[in-house]
Every structure is written in C-alpha cells, then in structure tokens.
Amino acid sequence: MKPIRFHPEAEAELTAAIAYYEGERNGLGVDFRKNVEDMTGRIRRNPHLFPARSADGYRKCPIKRFPYVVYYLDLDGEVWIAAVVHQHRRPGYWKNRSPR
C-alpha cells in the first residue's frame, strides 16, 4: 500500500467541506469525512481503481452521497491527492497544482 499525501489546498478544501456540512446538520460533516477516508483508503490499497482521465494521469474518485470528487495521481512512492472538488463549482481550478 502506498501512503496518501494531500496537497495543502486539497486538505483545506476537505476541511472546509467538512465544516460546511457539519454546519448544515450535526453529524453530516463527520459522514462526509468518513466517506472521503473510506474512498482514500480504497485508493491507497488500489491506486488504479479509477481510470486515468487522460494523458495527464489524473484519476477521479467520486465521494458517495456527496457531490464531491477527489482528483489524484498515482506516483512512484505515494498517492498524491491534488483536490477535493465540488462537482458543480469552478471546474478545473485546481489543475495548476503540482506534487513537487
């Protein structure tokens, strides 16, 4: 299994989404975090679980019950999470992020 590393902005996106959902209903943010943790665990065990989108190699993992996806790269020594993105807002804003 490869370790998971979040881009700092992806980590901030995750934290903001958890806070938003928790503010909407008590426990909903916890559910969101658990779903993201479950999916990143699956990615960690099998980074090729989701197909690469194109030549850039990014893979897109939907989050169950929520309109979010995780974009990630399967790198040699780790799985790098580029973004935790709401599906209906600002498409592609995260594409300039780099794992370096």
C-alpha atoms as a PDB file:
ATOM      1  CA  MET A   1       0.000   0.000   0.000  1.00  0.00           C
ATOM      2  CA  LYS A   2       1.189   3.461  -0.854  1.00  0.00           C
ATOM      3  CA  PRO A   3       0.929   6.381   1.547  1.00  0.00           C
ATOM      4  CA  ILE A   4      -1.547   9.163   0.788  1.00  0.00           C
ATOM      5  CA  ARG A   5      -0.350  12.774   0.667  1.00  0.00           C
ATOM      6  CA  PHE A   6      -2.730  15.709   0.256  1.00  0.00           C
ATOM      7  CA  HIS A   7      -1.774  18.921  -1.481  1.00  0.00           C
ATOM      8  CA  PRO A   8      -2.175  21.643   1.194  1.00  0.00           C
ATOM      9  CA  GLU A   9      -5.027  23.239  -0.763  1.00  0.00           C
ATOM     10  CA  ALA A  10      -6.776  19.874  -1.128  1.00  0.00           C
ATOM     11  CA  GLU A  11      -6.522  19.424   2.614  1.00  0.00           C
ATOM     12  CA  ALA A  12      -8.025  22.896   3.093  1.00  0.00           C
ATOM     13  CA  GLU A  13     -10.850  22.021   0.671  1.00  0.00           C
ATOM     14  CA  LEU A  14     -11.599  18.891   2.662  1.00  0.00           C
ATOM     15  CA  THR A  15     -11.607  20.785   5.961  1.00  0.00           C
ATOM     16  CA  ALA A  16     -13.899  23.493   4.531  1.00  0.00           C
ATOM     17  CA  ALA A  17     -16.354  20.928   3.143  1.00  0.00           C
ATOM     18  CA  ILE A  18     -16.458  19.071   6.470  1.00  0.00           C
ATOM     19  CA  ALA A  19     -17.161  22.346   8.298  1.00  0.00           C
ATOM     20  CA  TYR A  20     -19.844  23.311   5.783  1.00  0.00           C
ATOM     21  CA  TYR A  21     -21.697  20.003   6.078  1.00  0.00           C
ATOM     22  CA  GLU A  22     -21.376  19.967   9.856  1.00  0.00           C
ATOM     23  CA  GLY A  23     -22.943  23.445   9.900  1.00  0.00           C
ATOM     24  CA  GLU A  24     -25.823  22.205   7.755  1.00  0.00           C
ATOM     25  CA  ARG A  25     -26.642  19.305  10.056  1.00  0.00           C
ATOM     26  CA  ASN A  26     -24.933  17.905  13.100  1.00  0.00           C
ATOM     27  CA  GLY A  27     -23.023  14.769  12.105  1.00  0.00           C
ATOM     28  CA  LEU A  28     -23.186  15.366   8.341  1.00  0.00           C
ATOM     29  CA  GLY A  29     -19.624  16.694   8.263  1.00  0.00           C
ATOM     30  CA  VAL A  30     -18.491  13.574  10.113  1.00  0.00           C
ATOM     31  CA  ASP A  31     -20.275  11.446   7.484  1.00  0.00           C
ATOM     32  CA  PHE A  32     -18.557  13.364   4.700  1.00  0.00           C
ATOM     33  CA  ARG A  33     -15.122  12.939   6.305  1.00  0.00           C
ATOM     34  CA  LYS A  34     -15.762   9.203   6.803  1.00  0.00           C
ATOM     35  CA  ASN A  35     -16.764   8.783   3.153  1.00  0.00           C
ATOM     36  CA  VAL A  36     -13.609  10.581   1.994  1.00  0.00           C
ATOM     37  CA  GLU A  37     -11.473   8.475   4.347  1.00  0.00           C
ATOM     38  CA  ASP A  38     -13.139   5.289   3.064  1.00  0.00           C
ATOM     39  CA  MET A  39     -12.513   6.248  -0.564  1.00  0.00           C
ATOM     40  CA  THR A  40      -8.909   7.338   0.025  1.00  0.00           C
ATOM     41  CA  GLY A  41      -8.364   4.028   1.835  1.00  0.00           C
ATOM     42  CA  ARG A  42      -9.634   2.179  -1.219  1.00  0.00           C
ATOM     43  CA  ILE A  43      -7.367   4.297  -3.433  1.00  0.00           C
ATOM     44  CA  ARG A  44      -4.426   3.578  -1.150  1.00  0.00           C
ATOM     45  CA  ARG A  45      -4.990  -0.170  -1.482  1.00  0.00           C
ATOM     46  CA  ASN A  46      -5.589   0.008  -5.235  1.00  0.00           C
ATOM     47  CA  PRO A  47      -4.480   3.271  -6.890  1.00  0.00           C
ATOM     48  CA  HIS A  48      -5.688   2.030 -10.289  1.00  0.00           C
ATOM     49  CA  LEU A  49      -9.243   1.517  -9.028  1.00  0.00           C
ATOM     50  CA  PHE A  50     -10.380   4.532 -11.058  1.00  0.00           C
ATOM     51  CA  PRO A  51      -9.280   5.075 -14.662  1.00  0.00           C
ATOM     52  CA  ALA A  52      -6.839   7.797 -15.630  1.00  0.00           C
ATOM     53  CA  ARG A  53      -8.718  10.712 -17.223  1.00  0.00           C
ATOM     54  CA  SER A  54      -6.245  11.483 -19.967  1.00  0.00           C
ATOM     55  CA  ALA A  55      -2.562  11.806 -20.726  1.00  0.00           C
ATOM     56  CA  ASP A  56      -2.090  13.883 -17.550  1.00  0.00           C
ATOM     57  CA  GLY A  57      -2.694  10.733 -15.488  1.00  0.00           C
ATOM     58  CA  TYR A  58      -5.195  12.239 -13.043  1.00  0.00           C
ATOM     59  CA  ARG A  59      -7.785   9.864 -11.668  1.00  0.00           C
ATOM     60  CA  LYS A  60     -11.230  10.906 -10.458  1.00  0.00           C
ATOM     61  CA  CYS A  61     -12.844   9.276  -7.430  1.00  0.00           C
ATOM     62  CA  PRO A  62     -16.470  10.181  -6.615  1.00  0.00           C
ATOM     63  CA  ILE A  63     -17.463  10.541  -2.966  1.00  0.00           C
ATOM     64  CA  LYS A  64     -20.578   8.563  -2.058  1.00  0.00           C
ATOM     65  CA  ARG A  65     -23.692  10.579  -1.092  1.00  0.00           C
ATOM     66  CA  PHE A  66     -21.981  13.920  -1.711  1.00  0.00           C
ATOM     67  CA  PRO A  67     -21.400  15.988  -4.878  1.00  0.00           C
ATOM     68  CA  TYR A  68     -17.613  15.846  -4.464  1.00  0.00           C
ATOM     69  CA  VAL A  69     -14.777  14.087  -6.231  1.00  0.00           C
ATOM     70  CA  VAL A  70     -11.154  13.514  -5.321  1.00  0.00           C
ATOM     71  CA  TYR A  71      -8.575  14.026  -8.069  1.00  0.00           C
ATOM     72  CA  TYR A  72      -5.322  12.183  -7.526  1.00  0.00           C
ATOM     73  CA  LEU A  73      -2.137  10.930  -9.143  1.00  0.00           C
ATOM     74  CA  ASP A  74      -0.598   7.528  -8.610  1.00  0.00           C
ATOM     75  CA  LEU A  75       3.079   8.393  -8.197  1.00  0.00           C
ATOM     76  CA  ASP A  76       6.005   6.018  -7.697  1.00  0.00           C
ATOM     77  CA  GLY A  77       6.163   6.250  -3.905  1.00  0.00           C
ATOM     78  CA  GLU A  78       2.774   7.662  -2.964  1.00  0.00           C
ATOM     79  CA  VAL A  79      -0.731   8.589  -3.988  1.00  0.00           C
ATOM     80  CA  TRP A  80      -0.944  12.367  -4.238  1.00  0.00           C
ATOM     81  CA  ILE A  81      -4.351  13.997  -3.708  1.00  0.00           C
ATOM     82  CA  ALA A  82      -4.492  17.119  -5.867  1.00  0.00           C
ATOM     83  CA  ALA A  83      -8.003  18.326  -4.994  1.00  0.00           C
ATOM     84  CA  VAL A  84     -11.249  17.633  -3.163  1.00  0.00           C
ATOM     85  CA  VAL A  85     -13.697  19.278  -5.552  1.00  0.00           C
ATOM     86  CA  HIS A  86     -17.395  20.083  -5.559  1.00  0.00           C
ATOM     87  CA  GLN A  87     -18.644  18.731  -8.886  1.00  0.00           C
ATOM     88  CA  HIS A  88     -20.714  21.780  -9.796  1.00  0.00           C
ATOM     89  CA  ARG A  89     -18.333  24.619  -8.944  1.00  0.00           C
ATOM     90  CA  ARG A  90     -15.337  26.097 -10.747  1.00  0.00           C
ATOM     91  CA  PRO A  91     -14.262  23.143 -12.905  1.00  0.00           C
ATOM     92  CA  GLY A  92     -10.541  22.750 -13.428  1.00  0.00           C
ATOM     93  CA  TYR A  93      -9.399  25.446 -10.978  1.00  0.00           C
ATOM     94  CA  TRP A  94      -7.010  23.000  -9.327  1.00  0.00           C
ATOM     95  CA  LYS A  95      -5.147  21.816 -12.443  1.00  0.00           C
ATOM     96  CA  ASN A  96      -2.086  24.012 -11.891  1.00  0.00           C
ATOM     97  CA  ARG A  97      -1.230  22.212  -8.625  1.00  0.00           C
ATOM     98  CA  SER A  98       1.890  20.141  -8.556  1.00  0.00           C
ATOM     99  CA  PRO A  99       3.031  17.272  -6.316  1.00  0.00           C
ATOM    100  CA  ARG A 100       6.522  18.774  -6.160  1.00  0.00           C
END
